[in-house]
Amino acid sequence: MSRDSANQTRRERFRRLTFALIGVLVLLLGGELAALLWLPTSHESPAILTAHNPASERHKVDASPTPTLDPTQQNSTAFNGLNTNQERLLHQEYWGANGWIWRARLPYERLVAFYGNPLSAPMGPLGQYSDSELMAKLQEQAQAYAQIDPSHPVVPALDYVTPVVQPVPMADNTWVYRMPDDSIQHYISLANSHHALFFFDMQIGHSTVQHEVEHVWQYLKQPGVELSLDPEFTLWPGEIPDVEFGHMEASQVNWVINQLSQLVQAEHLPPKILIVHRFLQEMLPDWQNIRPEPGVQVVITVDGFGAPQEKIADYQTYDNQELLPGEYPGMKLFYKLDKPLLSPSNLLALKPPPLLVMYQ
């Protein structure tokens, strides 16, 4: 991506940050502030902050994956040391109600994800629709890829941004806001009940990767809950979100990979998927030092909005020339800011075709 385009990205994201901060303030301070900002009062806020999932809200996604090999029959260190009873239980899990999570494996399937935060419509689909509308639109978008490439069954996903960087330091001086547990669990349940994966998309700000991963560790122990890292918002001391672009070092990514790998092996979980966003070289300056480990599938996702030729050029750099063994290619698209928006046919014609497509 060019520096001019990157600056335009910065301005647009600052606008979205402002909307997100307003949403947070309304949530925290309620009616008096809301009246000043001409926004709904806290008792009129969206129901996403209440863990509910009525049957009338459900719209089943039918782009579910086809079976791959039973994990107990694969030569994977994630399943070494299992006794006969453990193998039997794992086999039952694989073919049971949550078997779709075990079968959501790259490169055999393709992920199609919606990005966003429930408090901010400008951040993406998660803040724009009711539960039923969100899942119906996600299904529709996923089916577009399944129809073009039936050899790769599509697994839908929700990419839920938390923590969210803020334009002010916040009480703990981390410059991030963390979403409440009831909202998180609501969207995990919403996703998984529709055979969709759930991703935490982390904007680290002036916190640390270790602290933020620890904050959501209880959820990562659940099958079908995955992780995304956005180096753009991982800041050095003195930097301000959307004034300077952040960066992340390979050692930070590798720490996350190692923690997830140990979790998968210790708990005999389905493999975890880790998404890493990228649209400038300096966001992952030592990208060549990233080291995948057993039980973790790493996706490098080309981020940033712009003209198709710019996005494709970035993709060819980051997801072709610089894609490491054990990593998988991904592309992020912006419904309102990419002009024109690349179509599923455009994306699947790329070499290599992306195995993750994310929409904001």
Foldseek 3Di string as FASTA:
>chain_A
DDPVQVLVVLVLVQVQLVQLVLLVCQCPPFDVVCVVVVHDTNVPADPLLAQDDDPVLDDAQPLFDDADDQPLPDPFLLPPPDDPVRSVVSSCCCPDPNVSLLRPDPPQAFEEEWEDECSTVSRTDNVPDGLNVSVVVQSVQQVLLCVVPVSHRYAYEYEYEPFDAHQDLPPVRQRTDGDDPSSVVNVCCSQVVNRHAYEYEYQRRNHALVVVCVVCVVVLLDRRYAYEYEQQRHDDPPDGRSVGGGADELVRVQVVQVVQSVSCSVSVYRQHEYEYEDADCRNYVPLVPHDHDTRYQYEYEYDGAEEPVSSLVSCCVVVPVVADPRYFYHYEWEPPRHVVTDGSVNQVPDVPRGSYYYYD
